[in-house]
Each structure stands twice: as structure tokens, then as C-alpha cells.
Amino acid sequence: MGIDFRISSLYICVDDMTRAINFYEELFDQKVTVRDEIYSVFDINGFRYGLFNYKKMNERHTFGNNCLPSIEVSDLNEFTEKLKILKVK
């Protein structure tokens, strides 16, 4: 007998909440579920993907070394094209 684990949420830090929401609404093809200037959330099939505006809480943060969200897609080619349109490198 063991414990079943399920990760139900993850958040990333953002500099500009409006910009981040606009980007993820385009990327996920859905509107943000909860919009707030400090913490906003997308509900993606039961998974809560959060955006945290660390500057509003005066928290220090280093980008690029502490979070790597994995996103599964049904069509990799279509997703790759979307990333090009959104100018993601």
C-alpha cells in the first residue's frame, strides 16, 4: 500500500501580470480563470497554473533557474507554430 500523489498546481513568477495573462491566454487558447494583480490562475483540465507577481509582494526572485513546467500537447507541430507566432525562443 502506498500514497498516491498528484500535482495539482504550479506557479511561476512574472514581472508584468497583464502581459503574462495575455501571453498565456493566447498559448492555452482560454481565458484566465482568476485574475488578480498579485496572483492569477488558469485552470487547465483541473491543473491550476498560477502567475505570481513577485514585485507586488516585494519578493526577490531569480529567473531561469528554479522552475521548469512541462506542458503536454496533442499536436506538437501546431504548438510549435503557435510558439513561433508568439515569438517564443
Foldseek 3Di string as FASTA:
>chain_A
DDDDDDQQEDEDEDQFQVVVQVLVCLLVVHHWPADDRAKTWRQDVRHTYIYGHVVVVPDDDDPDDDDDDDDDDPDPVVSVVSCVVVVPD
